[in-house]
Amino acid sequence: MANPSDLERIEFQKPSDLEQFSKTGKAVMRDLRDIFEGAAEDAKFALRSIEGHPALFGLDVRVKAWKVANRLRRAAEACNGAALETVRFWAEYQTQFGEPFEAARNRRPRFDPEA
């Protein structure tokens, strides 16, 4: 399980640090997503045990439990989105800074017929 404090320890000194930050951030967010999803299910079943109005046969409690648990499910979806954004962070870095430098380093000299 990834620890959020691992992100704080990464210093941006070189491109591999950015990649490590991206991978660690993705792992942290995925672990957090799993925790929220599990908590949503646990909360739903725990809240369903509360007795509701007798005339509604517990339907009111089920709806309320679903609404409460749905907030945790939405938090899990937000964590999934954050994990995706950390991957996009690395891809954007490569697009903006990685490709041109690699291309300039590996560029062959062009033949100039006028020279």
Protein backbone atom coordinates (compact mmCIF):
# COMPACT_ATOMS: atom_id res chain seq x y z
CA MET A 1 0.00 0.00 0.00
CA ALA A 2 1.40 3.35 -1.05
CA ASN A 3 1.75 6.05 1.58
CA PRO A 4 0.94 9.71 0.85
CA SER A 5 4.07 10.76 2.75
CA ASP A 6 6.09 9.05 -0.01
CA LEU A 7 5.00 11.88 -2.31
CA GLU A 8 6.46 14.48 0.04
CA ARG A 9 9.86 12.80 0.01
CA ILE A 10 10.27 13.05 -3.76
CA GLU A 11 12.31 16.07 -4.78
CA PHE A 12 12.10 17.27 -8.37
CA GLN A 13 15.77 17.15 -9.33
CA LYS A 14 15.60 15.16 -12.56
CA PRO A 15 12.98 13.75 -14.97
CA SER A 16 12.98 10.35 -13.28
CA ASP A 17 11.78 12.07 -10.10
CA LEU A 18 8.77 13.38 -11.99
CA GLU A 19 8.05 9.89 -13.27
CA GLN A 20 8.39 8.45 -9.77
CA PHE A 21 6.03 11.13 -8.43
CA SER A 22 3.50 10.21 -11.09
CA LYS A 23 3.68 6.49 -10.35
CA THR A 24 3.54 6.97 -6.58
CA GLY A 25 0.64 9.43 -6.87
CA LYS A 26 -1.27 6.96 -8.99
CA ALA A 27 -0.69 4.18 -6.45
CA VAL A 28 -1.75 6.41 -3.54
CA MET A 29 -4.95 7.46 -5.29
CA ARG A 30 -5.83 3.90 -6.30
CA ASP A 31 -5.35 2.71 -2.71
CA LEU A 32 -7.47 5.57 -1.43
CA ARG A 33 -10.15 4.73 -3.99
CA ASP A 34 -10.27 1.14 -2.74
CA ILE A 35 -10.63 2.35 0.84
CA PHE A 36 -13.52 4.66 -0.07
CA GLU A 37 -15.29 1.95 -2.08
CA GLY A 38 -15.03 -0.48 0.83
CA ALA A 39 -16.22 2.15 3.29
CA ALA A 40 -19.20 2.93 1.07
CA GLU A 41 -20.36 -0.67 1.14
CA ASP A 42 -19.75 -0.99 4.89
CA ALA A 43 -21.64 2.23 5.57
CA LYS A 44 -24.57 1.17 3.41
CA PHE A 45 -25.00 -2.13 5.21
CA ALA A 46 -24.48 -0.60 8.64
CA LEU A 47 -27.06 2.11 8.02
CA ARG A 48 -29.58 -0.37 6.63
CA SER A 49 -29.73 -2.03 10.03
CA ILE A 50 -31.46 1.06 11.46
CA GLU A 51 -35.20 0.63 11.74
CA GLY A 52 -37.24 2.98 9.62
CA HIS A 53 -40.87 3.97 9.55
CA PRO A 54 -43.08 0.88 9.96
CA ALA A 55 -45.51 1.94 7.23
CA LEU A 56 -42.68 2.17 4.67
CA PHE A 57 -41.22 -1.26 5.53
CA GLY A 58 -37.71 0.15 5.81
CA LEU A 59 -37.68 1.66 2.33
CA ASP A 60 -36.92 5.10 3.75
CA VAL A 61 -33.84 3.76 5.55
CA ARG A 62 -32.58 2.03 2.41
CA VAL A 63 -32.87 5.22 0.38
CA LYS A 64 -31.13 7.28 3.06
CA ALA A 65 -28.37 4.68 3.40
CA TRP A 66 -27.87 4.69 -0.36
CA LYS A 67 -27.60 8.50 -0.39
CA VAL A 68 -25.01 8.50 2.40
CA ALA A 69 -22.97 5.69 0.83
CA ASN A 70 -23.19 7.37 -2.57
CA ARG A 71 -21.09 10.26 -1.23
CA LEU A 72 -18.27 7.83 -0.48
CA ARG A 73 -18.66 6.27 -3.92
CA ARG A 74 -18.31 9.72 -5.46
CA ALA A 75 -15.16 10.30 -3.39
CA ALA A 76 -13.82 7.01 -4.78
CA GLU A 77 -14.55 8.20 -8.32
CA ALA A 78 -12.74 11.46 -7.58
CA CYS A 79 -9.70 9.46 -6.44
CA ASN A 80 -9.84 7.50 -9.68
CA GLY A 81 -9.84 10.79 -11.57
CA ALA A 82 -6.89 12.04 -9.52
CA ALA A 83 -4.97 8.87 -10.33
CA LEU A 84 -5.64 9.45 -14.02
CA GLU A 85 -4.46 13.06 -13.75
CA THR A 86 -1.14 11.99 -12.23
CA VAL A 87 -0.57 9.79 -15.28
CA ARG A 88 -1.53 12.66 -17.55
CA PHE A 89 0.91 14.88 -15.63
CA TRP A 90 3.79 12.63 -16.69
CA ALA A 91 2.51 12.37 -20.26
CA GLU A 92 2.19 16.16 -20.48
CA TYR A 93 5.73 16.58 -19.19
CA GLN A 94 7.00 14.21 -21.88
CA THR A 95 5.01 16.06 -24.53
CA GLN A 96 6.17 19.51 -23.49
CA PHE A 97 9.76 18.85 -22.45
CA GLY A 98 10.83 15.29 -23.19
CA GLU A 99 10.33 14.91 -26.92
CA PRO A 100 12.08 18.06 -28.22
CA PHE A 101 15.18 17.47 -26.12
CA GLU A 102 15.39 13.84 -27.17
CA ALA A 103 14.90 14.80 -30.80
CA ALA A 104 17.57 17.52 -30.61
CA ARG A 105 20.03 15.15 -28.99
CA ASN A 106 19.50 12.43 -31.60
CA ARG A 107 19.20 14.72 -34.62
CA ARG A 108 21.60 13.96 -37.45
CA PRO A 109 23.26 16.82 -39.27
CA ARG A 110 21.50 17.66 -42.51
CA PHE A 111 23.25 17.65 -45.83
CA ASP A 112 23.57 21.14 -47.28
CA PRO A 113 24.29 21.03 -51.06
CA GLU A 114 25.16 24.75 -51.11
CA ALA A 115 28.04 24.41 -48.68
